[in-house]
Amino acid sequence: MTSWVLIAATVVLVAGVLSQLAILRLAARRVERRLGERGGEVFVSIDALPALRLLWRRGDRVLVRGRGLTLGMSGRGGLGALDGFASVDIALTEFRTGPFEVSSFELTRGDRGGTYRMRSTAQTTGVALASYGGEQLGGLVPLLALLARQTPLGEAGIPVSLEVELVSEDGQISVSSGGGSIAGYPAGPVATMIAAAVARDVEIS
């Protein structure tokens, strides 16, 4: 009788472990497909114990590595898809979002949560910014769109360098410290838009 109980307990335990691993891998693959649907290479690892916490977009850790991706961008969005994870570690290289060619992007948050740290280098042009639309990029475009009407400056590369700490609250992102510049102008709005573009495709579903 005791041996049968042990066998049954072992079967239940193994089934639980396999189920846990299957749920985590399925969630990771969904994110990989979403991030890579326009090409590129991507790897995603998700930890959550128990795995059912993912139903509420909560977990212990999400790790993303990618290269050569093309991500959508809109003027709205936040980091809500990531806020429920204790640790966030995202590093992407050579990808495109909106009018920006991003050479490197890192978004991290420690095991204790709190603010996100973002570092990124990118490039754009006055033509690309003007074509993307003033409403989405807010106050940056009236200044930078002038470059689009000047030859050859309109097509010249404009470097973007960012190193900021981001706060996510009530679905909105704000810059708490740090900064960066784009053509000599503050680049806080650019930082939040690029971060939101990445987070939107990392959403666990």
N, C-alpha and C. Protein backbone atom coordinates (compact mmCIF):
# COMPACT_ATOMS: atom_id res chain seq x y z
N MET A 1 0.84 -1.21 0.00
CA MET A 1 0.00 0.00 0.00
C MET A 1 0.87 1.26 0.00
N THR A 2 1.91 1.23 0.86
CA THR A 2 2.80 2.39 0.95
C THR A 2 3.50 2.64 -0.36
N SER A 3 3.94 1.55 -1.03
CA SER A 3 4.65 1.70 -2.31
C SER A 3 3.75 2.33 -3.36
N TRP A 4 2.47 1.95 -3.39
CA TRP A 4 1.55 2.54 -4.35
C TRP A 4 1.35 4.04 -4.08
N VAL A 5 1.30 4.40 -2.83
CA VAL A 5 1.16 5.81 -2.47
C VAL A 5 2.37 6.61 -2.95
N LEU A 6 3.56 6.02 -2.74
CA LEU A 6 4.78 6.69 -3.18
C LEU A 6 4.82 6.83 -4.70
N ILE A 7 4.41 5.77 -5.39
CA ILE A 7 4.38 5.82 -6.85
C ILE A 7 3.42 6.88 -7.34
N ALA A 8 2.23 6.92 -6.73
CA ALA A 8 1.24 7.92 -7.12
C ALA A 8 1.74 9.33 -6.86
N ALA A 9 2.40 9.51 -5.70
CA ALA A 9 2.92 10.82 -5.37
C ALA A 9 4.01 11.24 -6.34
N THR A 10 4.85 10.27 -6.73
CA THR A 10 5.92 10.56 -7.69
C THR A 10 5.36 10.94 -9.05
N VAL A 11 4.32 10.23 -9.49
CA VAL A 11 3.68 10.53 -10.78
C VAL A 11 3.09 11.93 -10.76
N VAL A 12 2.42 12.26 -9.67
CA VAL A 12 1.83 13.60 -9.56
C VAL A 12 2.92 14.67 -9.57
N LEU A 13 4.01 14.40 -8.86
CA LEU A 13 5.11 15.36 -8.79
C LEU A 13 5.74 15.57 -10.17
N VAL A 14 6.02 14.48 -10.86
CA VAL A 14 6.62 14.57 -12.20
C VAL A 14 5.69 15.29 -13.16
N ALA A 15 4.40 14.96 -13.09
CA ALA A 15 3.42 15.61 -13.96
C ALA A 15 3.37 17.11 -13.69
N GLY A 16 3.46 17.47 -12.40
CA GLY A 16 3.44 18.89 -12.05
C GLY A 16 4.65 19.63 -12.59
N VAL A 17 5.83 18.99 -12.48
CA VAL A 17 7.05 19.62 -12.99
C VAL A 17 6.98 19.78 -14.51
N LEU A 18 6.57 18.72 -15.20
CA LEU A 18 6.47 18.79 -16.65
C LEU A 18 5.46 19.84 -17.10
N SER A 19 4.35 19.92 -16.37
CA SER A 19 3.34 20.92 -16.69
C SER A 19 3.89 22.32 -16.51
N GLN A 20 4.62 22.53 -15.42
CA GLN A 20 5.25 23.82 -15.14
C GLN A 20 6.19 24.22 -16.28
N LEU A 21 7.04 23.29 -16.69
CA LEU A 21 8.01 23.58 -17.75
C LEU A 21 7.31 23.84 -19.08
N ALA A 22 6.25 23.07 -19.35
CA ALA A 22 5.53 23.22 -20.62
C ALA A 22 4.86 24.59 -20.70
N ILE A 23 4.25 25.03 -19.61
CA ILE A 23 3.58 26.34 -19.61
C ILE A 23 4.59 27.46 -19.83
N LEU A 24 5.73 27.38 -19.16
CA LEU A 24 6.75 28.43 -19.29
C LEU A 24 7.30 28.47 -20.71
N ARG A 25 7.56 27.30 -21.29
CA ARG A 25 8.12 27.28 -22.65
C ARG A 25 7.09 27.76 -23.66
N LEU A 26 5.82 27.40 -23.46
CA LEU A 26 4.78 27.87 -24.38
C LEU A 26 4.68 29.39 -24.35
N ALA A 27 4.72 29.96 -23.15
CA ALA A 27 4.65 31.42 -23.03
C ALA A 27 5.85 32.07 -23.70
N ALA A 28 7.05 31.49 -23.51
CA ALA A 28 8.26 32.05 -24.12
C ALA A 28 8.18 31.99 -25.64
N ARG A 29 7.68 30.90 -26.17
CA ARG A 29 7.58 30.75 -27.63
C ARG A 29 6.60 31.75 -28.23
N ARG A 30 5.54 32.04 -27.50
CA ARG A 30 4.58 33.04 -28.00
C ARG A 30 5.25 34.41 -28.11
N VAL A 31 6.04 34.75 -27.11
CA VAL A 31 6.76 36.03 -27.16
C VAL A 31 7.79 36.02 -28.29
N GLU A 32 8.48 34.91 -28.46
CA GLU A 32 9.47 34.80 -29.53
C GLU A 32 8.81 34.99 -30.90
N ARG A 33 7.66 34.37 -31.09
CA ARG A 33 6.96 34.52 -32.37
C ARG A 33 6.53 35.96 -32.60
N ARG A 34 6.04 36.61 -31.56
CA ARG A 34 5.58 37.99 -31.70
C ARG A 34 6.74 38.93 -32.03
N LEU A 35 7.85 38.77 -31.32
CA LEU A 35 9.00 39.63 -31.56
C LEU A 35 9.62 39.37 -32.92
N GLY A 36 9.63 38.12 -33.35
CA GLY A 36 10.31 37.77 -34.59
C GLY A 36 9.43 37.63 -35.80
N GLU A 37 8.18 38.08 -35.73
CA GLU A 37 7.28 37.86 -36.86
C GLU A 37 7.68 38.63 -38.11
N ARG A 38 8.52 39.67 -37.97
CA ARG A 38 8.99 40.42 -39.14
C ARG A 38 10.46 40.11 -39.44
N GLY A 39 10.96 39.00 -38.90
CA GLY A 39 12.33 38.60 -39.15
C GLY A 39 13.23 38.84 -37.95
N GLY A 40 14.45 38.34 -38.06
CA GLY A 40 15.42 38.51 -36.99
C GLY A 40 15.55 37.25 -36.14
N GLU A 41 16.43 37.33 -35.15
CA GLU A 41 16.68 36.22 -34.25
C GLU A 41 16.29 36.64 -32.83
N VAL A 42 15.66 35.72 -32.10
CA VAL A 42 15.20 36.08 -30.76
C VAL A 42 15.17 34.85 -29.86
N PHE A 43 15.54 35.04 -28.61
CA PHE A 43 15.45 33.99 -27.59
C PHE A 43 14.79 34.58 -26.36
N VAL A 44 13.83 33.86 -25.78
CA VAL A 44 13.10 34.32 -24.60
C VAL A 44 13.10 33.23 -23.55
N SER A 45 13.36 33.61 -22.32
CA SER A 45 13.27 32.69 -21.18
C SER A 45 12.41 33.33 -20.10
N ILE A 46 11.44 32.58 -19.61
CA ILE A 46 10.50 33.09 -18.60
C ILE A 46 10.50 32.15 -17.40
N ASP A 47 10.62 32.73 -16.21
CA ASP A 47 10.55 31.95 -14.97
C ASP A 47 9.37 32.46 -14.14
N ALA A 48 8.57 31.53 -13.67
CA ALA A 48 7.44 31.88 -12.79
C ALA A 48 7.06 30.63 -12.01
N LEU A 49 7.02 30.74 -10.72
CA LEU A 49 6.66 29.62 -9.86
C LEU A 49 5.58 30.06 -8.88
N PRO A 50 4.37 29.52 -9.01
CA PRO A 50 3.94 28.57 -10.04
C PRO A 50 3.71 29.26 -11.38
N ALA A 51 3.70 28.49 -12.45
CA ALA A 51 3.58 29.04 -13.80
C ALA A 51 2.24 29.73 -14.03
N LEU A 52 1.22 29.33 -13.28
CA LEU A 52 -0.10 29.93 -13.45
C LEU A 52 -0.11 31.43 -13.13
N ARG A 53 0.93 31.91 -12.45
CA ARG A 53 1.03 33.36 -12.19
C ARG A 53 1.07 34.15 -13.49
N LEU A 54 1.48 33.50 -14.58
CA LEU A 54 1.55 34.19 -15.86
C LEU A 54 0.19 34.66 -16.34
N LEU A 55 -0.86 34.01 -15.86
CA LEU A 55 -2.21 34.43 -16.24
C LEU A 55 -2.48 35.86 -15.81
N TRP A 56 -1.79 36.29 -14.77
CA TRP A 56 -1.94 37.66 -14.26
C TRP A 56 -0.72 38.51 -14.62
N ARG A 57 0.03 38.03 -15.62
CA ARG A 57 1.24 38.72 -16.10
C ARG A 57 2.24 38.96 -14.96
N ARG A 58 2.40 37.95 -14.14
CA ARG A 58 3.35 38.01 -13.03
C ARG A 58 4.31 36.84 -13.11
N GLY A 59 5.54 37.08 -12.66
CA GLY A 59 6.53 36.02 -12.70
C GLY A 59 7.78 36.44 -11.96
N ASP A 60 8.76 35.55 -11.97
CA ASP A 60 10.01 35.82 -11.27
C ASP A 60 11.03 36.53 -12.17
N ARG A 61 11.09 36.12 -13.44
CA ARG A 61 12.11 36.69 -14.31
C ARG A 61 11.73 36.53 -15.77
N VAL A 62 12.01 37.56 -16.55
CA VAL A 62 11.88 37.45 -18.00
C VAL A 62 13.19 37.92 -18.62
N LEU A 63 13.74 37.11 -19.49
CA LEU A 63 14.99 37.41 -20.19
C LEU A 63 14.75 37.35 -21.68
N VAL A 64 15.21 38.37 -22.40
CA VAL A 64 15.03 38.43 -23.85
C VAL A 64 16.35 38.82 -24.49
N ARG A 65 16.71 38.08 -25.54
CA ARG A 65 17.85 38.43 -26.37
C ARG A 65 17.39 38.41 -27.82
N GLY A 66 17.79 39.41 -28.59
CA GLY A 66 17.35 39.44 -29.97
C GLY A 66 18.26 40.28 -30.85
N ARG A 67 18.17 40.04 -32.15
CA ARG A 67 18.99 40.77 -33.12
C ARG A 67 18.25 40.83 -34.45
N GLY A 68 18.31 42.00 -35.08
CA GLY A 68 17.74 42.16 -36.40
C GLY A 68 16.23 42.17 -36.45
N LEU A 69 15.57 42.58 -35.37
CA LEU A 69 14.11 42.60 -35.30
C LEU A 69 13.55 43.88 -35.90
N THR A 70 12.27 43.84 -36.23
CA THR A 70 11.53 45.03 -36.62
C THR A 70 10.29 45.10 -35.74
N LEU A 71 10.22 46.13 -34.89
CA LEU A 71 9.14 46.24 -33.92
C LEU A 71 8.24 47.42 -34.26
N GLY A 72 6.96 47.24 -34.04
CA GLY A 72 6.03 48.34 -34.25
C GLY A 72 6.21 49.40 -33.18
N MET A 73 5.77 50.60 -33.50
CA MET A 73 5.86 51.70 -32.53
C MET A 73 4.61 52.55 -32.64
N SER A 74 4.10 52.95 -31.49
CA SER A 74 3.01 53.92 -31.45
C SER A 74 3.36 54.96 -30.41
N GLY A 75 2.61 56.05 -30.43
CA GLY A 75 2.90 57.12 -29.49
C GLY A 75 2.46 56.83 -28.08
N ARG A 76 1.82 55.68 -27.86
CA ARG A 76 1.31 55.37 -26.54
C ARG A 76 1.82 54.01 -26.08
N GLY A 77 1.77 53.80 -24.81
CA GLY A 77 2.17 52.50 -24.28
C GLY A 77 2.98 52.66 -23.01
N GLY A 78 3.10 51.56 -22.30
CA GLY A 78 3.86 51.59 -21.06
C GLY A 78 4.60 50.29 -20.88
N LEU A 79 5.02 50.05 -19.65
CA LEU A 79 5.76 48.84 -19.33
C LEU A 79 4.91 47.86 -18.53
N GLY A 80 3.60 47.99 -18.63
CA GLY A 80 2.71 47.14 -17.87
C GLY A 80 2.92 45.66 -18.12
N ALA A 81 3.37 45.30 -19.33
CA ALA A 81 3.61 43.90 -19.66
C ALA A 81 4.75 43.31 -18.85
N LEU A 82 5.62 44.18 -18.31
CA LEU A 82 6.80 43.73 -17.58
C LEU A 82 6.73 43.99 -16.09
N ASP A 83 5.84 44.87 -15.67
CA ASP A 83 5.82 45.31 -14.27
C ASP A 83 5.60 44.18 -13.28
N GLY A 84 4.93 43.12 -13.69
CA GLY A 84 4.64 42.03 -12.77
C GLY A 84 5.79 41.07 -12.55
N PHE A 85 6.92 41.29 -13.23
CA PHE A 85 8.08 40.41 -13.07
C PHE A 85 9.09 41.04 -12.11
N ALA A 86 9.61 40.20 -11.21
CA ALA A 86 10.57 40.71 -10.23
C ALA A 86 11.86 41.15 -10.89
N SER A 87 12.28 40.42 -11.93
CA SER A 87 13.53 40.73 -12.62
C SER A 87 13.29 40.80 -14.12
N VAL A 88 13.82 41.84 -14.75
CA VAL A 88 13.69 42.03 -16.20
C VAL A 88 15.08 42.23 -16.79
N ASP A 89 15.37 41.48 -17.84
CA ASP A 89 16.68 41.56 -18.48
C ASP A 89 16.49 41.43 -19.99
N ILE A 90 16.47 42.55 -20.68
CA ILE A 90 16.24 42.57 -22.13
C ILE A 90 17.43 43.24 -22.82
N ALA A 91 17.97 42.57 -23.81
CA ALA A 91 19.07 43.14 -24.59
C ALA A 91 18.84 42.82 -26.06
N LEU A 92 18.69 43.87 -26.86
CA LEU A 92 18.46 43.73 -28.29
C LEU A 92 19.52 44.51 -29.06
N THR A 93 19.88 44.02 -30.23
CA THR A 93 20.84 44.73 -31.08
C THR A 93 20.33 44.79 -32.51
N GLU A 94 20.74 45.85 -33.20
CA GLU A 94 20.48 46.01 -34.63
C GLU A 94 19.01 45.77 -34.99
N PHE A 95 18.12 46.56 -34.37
CA PHE A 95 16.71 46.42 -34.72
C PHE A 95 16.12 47.78 -35.09
N ARG A 96 14.94 47.72 -35.66
CA ARG A 96 14.27 48.95 -36.10
C ARG A 96 12.92 49.07 -35.44
N THR A 97 12.59 50.30 -35.01
CA THR A 97 11.25 50.60 -34.51
C THR A 97 10.91 52.04 -34.89
N GLY A 98 9.77 52.23 -35.54
CA GLY A 98 9.40 53.57 -36.00
C GLY A 98 10.50 54.16 -36.87
N PRO A 99 10.89 55.41 -36.62
CA PRO A 99 11.93 56.05 -37.44
C PRO A 99 13.34 55.82 -36.93
N PHE A 100 13.51 54.89 -36.00
CA PHE A 100 14.81 54.70 -35.36
C PHE A 100 15.46 53.37 -35.76
N GLU A 101 16.72 53.46 -36.15
CA GLU A 101 17.57 52.29 -36.33
C GLU A 101 18.38 52.14 -35.04
N VAL A 102 18.04 51.13 -34.25
CA VAL A 102 18.63 50.98 -32.92
C VAL A 102 19.79 49.98 -32.99
N SER A 103 20.98 50.44 -32.64
CA SER A 103 22.13 49.54 -32.67
C SER A 103 22.24 48.72 -31.39
N SER A 104 21.85 49.31 -30.26
CA SER A 104 21.86 48.54 -29.01
C SER A 104 20.77 49.05 -28.08
N PHE A 105 20.21 48.13 -27.31
CA PHE A 105 19.13 48.47 -26.38
C PHE A 105 19.20 47.53 -25.19
N GLU A 106 19.22 48.09 -23.99
CA GLU A 106 19.19 47.29 -22.77
C GLU A 106 18.14 47.86 -21.83
N LEU A 107 17.30 46.98 -21.32
CA LEU A 107 16.29 47.37 -20.33
C LEU A 107 16.35 46.35 -19.21
N THR A 108 16.70 46.81 -18.01
CA THR A 108 16.87 45.89 -16.89
C THR A 108 16.17 46.42 -15.64
N ARG A 109 15.82 45.48 -14.79
CA ARG A 109 15.29 45.81 -13.46
C ARG A 109 15.72 44.70 -12.51
N GLY A 110 16.18 45.07 -11.34
CA GLY A 110 16.72 44.10 -10.40
C GLY A 110 15.67 43.24 -9.75
N ASP A 111 16.14 42.28 -8.95
CA ASP A 111 15.25 41.31 -8.32
C ASP A 111 14.25 41.96 -7.36
N ARG A 112 14.54 43.14 -6.91
CA ARG A 112 13.63 43.81 -5.98
C ARG A 112 12.66 44.76 -6.67
N GLY A 113 12.60 44.71 -7.97
CA GLY A 113 11.69 45.58 -8.69
C GLY A 113 12.21 47.00 -8.72
N GLY A 114 11.31 47.96 -8.62
CA GLY A 114 11.70 49.37 -8.64
C GLY A 114 11.80 49.90 -10.04
N THR A 115 12.69 50.86 -10.23
CA THR A 115 12.80 51.52 -11.53
C THR A 115 13.51 50.62 -12.54
N TYR A 116 13.29 50.93 -13.80
CA TYR A 116 13.97 50.26 -14.90
C TYR A 116 15.17 51.12 -15.32
N ARG A 117 16.23 50.46 -15.70
CA ARG A 117 17.39 51.15 -16.24
C ARG A 117 17.46 50.85 -17.74
N MET A 118 17.51 51.90 -18.53
CA MET A 118 17.54 51.73 -19.98
C MET A 118 18.76 52.42 -20.56
N ARG A 119 19.46 51.70 -21.43
CA ARG A 119 20.58 52.26 -22.17
C ARG A 119 20.39 51.90 -23.64
N SER A 120 20.58 52.87 -24.51
CA SER A 120 20.36 52.60 -25.92
C SER A 120 21.13 53.58 -26.79
N THR A 121 21.60 53.09 -27.92
CA THR A 121 22.18 53.95 -28.95
C THR A 121 21.43 53.67 -30.24
N ALA A 122 21.13 54.72 -30.96
CA ALA A 122 20.34 54.57 -32.17
C ALA A 122 20.69 55.68 -33.15
N GLN A 123 20.01 55.65 -34.28
CA GLN A 123 20.20 56.68 -35.29
C GLN A 123 18.91 56.88 -36.04
N THR A 124 18.68 58.10 -36.49
CA THR A 124 17.52 58.41 -37.30
C THR A 124 17.91 59.51 -38.27
N THR A 125 16.96 60.00 -39.02
CA THR A 125 17.20 61.13 -39.93
C THR A 125 16.04 62.10 -39.82
N GLY A 126 16.26 63.33 -40.27
CA GLY A 126 15.16 64.29 -40.28
C GLY A 126 14.03 63.83 -41.17
N VAL A 127 14.36 63.22 -42.30
CA VAL A 127 13.33 62.72 -43.21
C VAL A 127 12.49 61.64 -42.52
N ALA A 128 13.15 60.71 -41.84
CA ALA A 128 12.42 59.62 -41.17
C ALA A 128 11.51 60.16 -40.07
N LEU A 129 12.00 61.14 -39.31
CA LEU A 129 11.19 61.72 -38.24
C LEU A 129 9.97 62.45 -38.79
N ALA A 130 10.18 63.23 -39.85
CA ALA A 130 9.07 63.97 -40.44
C ALA A 130 8.05 63.03 -41.05
N SER A 131 8.52 61.95 -41.67
CA SER A 131 7.61 61.00 -42.30
C SER A 131 6.80 60.23 -41.26
N TYR A 132 7.39 60.03 -40.08
CA TYR A 132 6.72 59.24 -39.05
C TYR A 132 5.51 59.96 -38.49
N GLY A 133 5.58 61.28 -38.33
CA GLY A 133 4.42 62.01 -37.87
C GLY A 133 4.65 62.79 -36.60
N GLY A 134 4.29 64.05 -36.62
CA GLY A 134 4.51 64.94 -35.50
C GLY A 134 3.72 64.59 -34.27
N GLU A 135 2.49 64.08 -34.44
CA GLU A 135 1.66 63.79 -33.27
C GLU A 135 2.27 62.70 -32.41
N GLN A 136 2.91 61.72 -33.05
CA GLN A 136 3.45 60.60 -32.30
C GLN A 136 4.74 60.95 -31.56
N LEU A 137 5.54 61.85 -32.16
CA LEU A 137 6.80 62.21 -31.52
C LEU A 137 6.73 63.54 -30.79
N GLY A 138 5.58 64.13 -30.75
CA GLY A 138 5.38 65.33 -29.94
C GLY A 138 6.29 66.47 -30.30
N GLY A 139 6.84 67.14 -29.27
CA GLY A 139 7.59 68.36 -29.47
C GLY A 139 8.91 68.21 -30.18
N LEU A 140 9.40 66.98 -30.36
CA LEU A 140 10.66 66.82 -31.06
C LEU A 140 10.56 67.12 -32.55
N VAL A 141 9.45 66.76 -33.14
CA VAL A 141 9.35 66.85 -34.59
C VAL A 141 9.41 68.27 -35.14
N PRO A 142 8.70 69.25 -34.57
CA PRO A 142 8.80 70.60 -35.14
C PRO A 142 10.25 71.08 -35.27
N LEU A 143 11.10 70.66 -34.36
CA LEU A 143 12.50 71.06 -34.43
C LEU A 143 13.26 70.23 -35.44
N LEU A 144 13.08 68.92 -35.35
CA LEU A 144 13.88 68.04 -36.19
C LEU A 144 13.36 67.93 -37.61
N ALA A 145 12.08 68.17 -37.81
CA ALA A 145 11.54 68.10 -39.17
C ALA A 145 12.13 69.18 -40.06
N LEU A 146 12.66 70.23 -39.46
CA LEU A 146 13.33 71.25 -40.26
C LEU A 146 14.49 70.65 -41.05
N LEU A 147 15.12 69.62 -40.46
CA LEU A 147 16.23 68.97 -41.15
C LEU A 147 15.77 68.26 -42.42
N ALA A 148 14.52 67.82 -42.41
CA ALA A 148 14.01 67.10 -43.57
C ALA A 148 13.88 68.00 -44.78
N ARG A 149 13.82 69.32 -44.57
CA ARG A 149 13.65 70.24 -45.69
C ARG A 149 14.99 70.86 -46.10
N GLN A 150 16.05 70.38 -45.48
CA GLN A 150 17.36 70.90 -45.81
C GLN A 150 18.21 69.80 -46.44
N THR A 151 18.74 70.07 -47.59
CA THR A 151 19.59 69.11 -48.27
C THR A 151 21.05 69.53 -48.09
N PRO A 152 21.96 68.61 -47.67
CA PRO A 152 21.72 67.16 -47.48
C PRO A 152 21.37 66.79 -46.04
N LEU A 153 21.15 67.78 -45.15
CA LEU A 153 20.97 67.47 -43.74
C LEU A 153 19.77 66.58 -43.47
N GLY A 154 18.74 66.68 -44.31
CA GLY A 154 17.53 65.89 -44.07
C GLY A 154 17.78 64.41 -44.08
N GLU A 155 18.76 63.96 -44.85
CA GLU A 155 19.05 62.54 -44.94
C GLU A 155 20.29 62.14 -44.15
N ALA A 156 20.90 63.09 -43.50
CA ALA A 156 22.08 62.78 -42.69
C ALA A 156 21.67 62.06 -41.41
N GLY A 157 22.53 61.16 -40.95
CA GLY A 157 22.22 60.43 -39.74
C GLY A 157 22.26 61.31 -38.51
N ILE A 158 21.26 61.16 -37.64
CA ILE A 158 21.19 61.90 -36.38
C ILE A 158 21.39 60.89 -35.26
N PRO A 159 22.48 60.99 -34.51
CA PRO A 159 22.73 60.02 -33.44
C PRO A 159 21.82 60.23 -32.24
N VAL A 160 21.41 59.14 -31.65
CA VAL A 160 20.58 59.16 -30.44
C VAL A 160 21.29 58.34 -29.38
N SER A 161 21.53 58.95 -28.23
CA SER A 161 22.19 58.24 -27.13
C SER A 161 21.38 58.42 -25.86
N LEU A 162 21.02 57.31 -25.22
CA LEU A 162 20.12 57.36 -24.07
C LEU A 162 20.67 56.54 -22.91
N GLU A 163 20.58 57.08 -21.72
CA GLU A 163 20.88 56.33 -20.49
C GLU A 163 20.00 56.92 -19.40
N VAL A 164 18.91 56.24 -19.10
CA VAL A 164 17.90 56.80 -18.20
C VAL A 164 17.38 55.73 -17.24
N GLU A 165 16.74 56.21 -16.18
CA GLU A 165 15.97 55.35 -15.30
C GLU A 165 14.50 55.68 -15.53
N LEU A 166 13.70 54.65 -15.72
CA LEU A 166 12.29 54.82 -16.05
C LEU A 166 11.41 54.32 -14.91
N VAL A 167 10.34 55.05 -14.67
CA VAL A 167 9.33 54.67 -13.69
C VAL A 167 8.06 54.29 -14.43
N SER A 168 7.50 53.13 -14.11
CA SER A 168 6.26 52.69 -14.71
C SER A 168 5.16 52.73 -13.66
N GLU A 169 4.12 53.51 -13.94
CA GLU A 169 3.04 53.68 -12.97
C GLU A 169 1.73 53.92 -13.70
N ASP A 170 0.73 53.10 -13.36
CA ASP A 170 -0.61 53.23 -13.96
C ASP A 170 -0.55 53.18 -15.48
N GLY A 171 0.31 52.30 -16.01
CA GLY A 171 0.38 52.12 -17.44
C GLY A 171 1.13 53.19 -18.20
N GLN A 172 1.76 54.11 -17.49
CA GLN A 172 2.50 55.19 -18.13
C GLN A 172 3.97 55.14 -17.71
N ILE A 173 4.85 55.59 -18.62
CA ILE A 173 6.28 55.62 -18.33
C ILE A 173 6.72 57.06 -18.17
N SER A 174 7.61 57.29 -17.22
CA SER A 174 8.23 58.60 -17.07
C SER A 174 9.71 58.42 -16.76
N VAL A 175 10.51 59.42 -17.10
CA VAL A 175 11.94 59.39 -16.84
C VAL A 175 12.19 59.95 -15.45
N SER A 176 12.81 59.14 -14.57
CA SER A 176 13.07 59.61 -13.21
C SER A 176 14.45 60.23 -13.07
N SER A 177 15.41 59.76 -13.86
CA SER A 177 16.75 60.34 -13.81
C SER A 177 17.51 59.95 -15.06
N GLY A 178 18.66 60.58 -15.26
CA GLY A 178 19.45 60.32 -16.45
C GLY A 178 18.94 61.16 -17.61
N GLY A 179 19.39 60.83 -18.78
CA GLY A 179 18.96 61.58 -19.95
C GLY A 179 19.64 61.11 -21.20
N GLY A 180 19.70 62.00 -22.15
CA GLY A 180 20.26 61.70 -23.45
C GLY A 180 19.89 62.83 -24.39
N SER A 181 20.35 62.74 -25.60
CA SER A 181 20.05 63.81 -26.54
C SER A 181 19.89 63.27 -27.94
N ILE A 182 19.17 64.03 -28.74
CA ILE A 182 18.99 63.75 -30.15
C ILE A 182 19.09 65.09 -30.87
N ALA A 183 20.14 65.23 -31.63
CA ALA A 183 20.43 66.50 -32.31
C ALA A 183 20.50 67.66 -31.33
N GLY A 184 20.96 67.38 -30.12
CA GLY A 184 21.12 68.44 -29.13
C GLY A 184 19.90 68.73 -28.29
N TYR A 185 18.81 68.03 -28.52
CA TYR A 185 17.58 68.26 -27.77
C TYR A 185 17.31 67.10 -26.82
N PRO A 186 16.63 67.35 -25.68
CA PRO A 186 16.34 66.28 -24.73
C PRO A 186 15.59 65.13 -25.38
N ALA A 187 15.98 63.92 -25.03
CA ALA A 187 15.43 62.75 -25.71
C ALA A 187 14.58 61.88 -24.79
N GLY A 188 14.07 62.43 -23.70
CA GLY A 188 13.21 61.65 -22.81
C GLY A 188 12.04 60.99 -23.50
N PRO A 189 11.28 61.73 -24.35
CA PRO A 189 10.16 61.11 -25.05
C PRO A 189 10.59 59.95 -25.94
N VAL A 190 11.76 60.06 -26.55
CA VAL A 190 12.26 58.98 -27.39
C VAL A 190 12.53 57.73 -26.55
N ALA A 191 13.13 57.91 -25.38
CA ALA A 191 13.42 56.78 -24.50
C ALA A 191 12.16 56.03 -24.13
N THR A 192 11.13 56.75 -23.75
CA THR A 192 9.90 56.08 -23.32
C THR A 192 9.22 55.38 -24.49
N MET A 193 9.30 55.95 -25.68
CA MET A 193 8.65 55.33 -26.84
C MET A 193 9.35 54.05 -27.26
N ILE A 194 10.67 54.05 -27.27
CA ILE A 194 11.40 52.84 -27.65
C ILE A 194 11.17 51.75 -26.61
N ALA A 195 11.22 52.11 -25.33
CA ALA A 195 10.99 51.12 -24.26
C ALA A 195 9.60 50.52 -24.37
N ALA A 196 8.60 51.36 -24.63
CA ALA A 196 7.22 50.87 -24.74
C ALA A 196 7.05 49.97 -25.95
N ALA A 197 7.74 50.29 -27.06
CA ALA A 197 7.65 49.45 -28.26
C ALA A 197 8.16 48.05 -27.98
N VAL A 198 9.26 47.95 -27.25
CA VAL A 198 9.81 46.63 -26.90
C VAL A 198 8.87 45.91 -25.94
N ALA A 199 8.43 46.60 -24.90
CA ALA A 199 7.59 45.96 -23.87
C ALA A 199 6.28 45.44 -24.45
N ARG A 200 5.73 46.17 -25.40
CA ARG A 200 4.44 45.75 -25.97
C ARG A 200 4.55 44.38 -26.62
N ASP A 201 5.66 44.09 -27.31
CA ASP A 201 5.80 42.80 -27.97
C ASP A 201 6.30 41.72 -27.03
N VAL A 202 6.76 42.09 -25.83
CA VAL A 202 7.18 41.10 -24.84
C VAL A 202 6.01 40.67 -23.97
N GLU A 203 4.86 41.28 -24.14
CA GLU A 203 3.72 40.98 -23.28
C GLU A 203 3.42 39.49 -23.24
N ILE A 204 3.25 38.97 -22.05
CA ILE A 204 2.96 37.54 -21.86
C ILE A 204 1.48 37.31 -22.05
N SER A 205 1.15 36.40 -22.97
CA SER A 205 -0.27 36.12 -23.21
C SER A 205 -0.47 34.65 -23.51
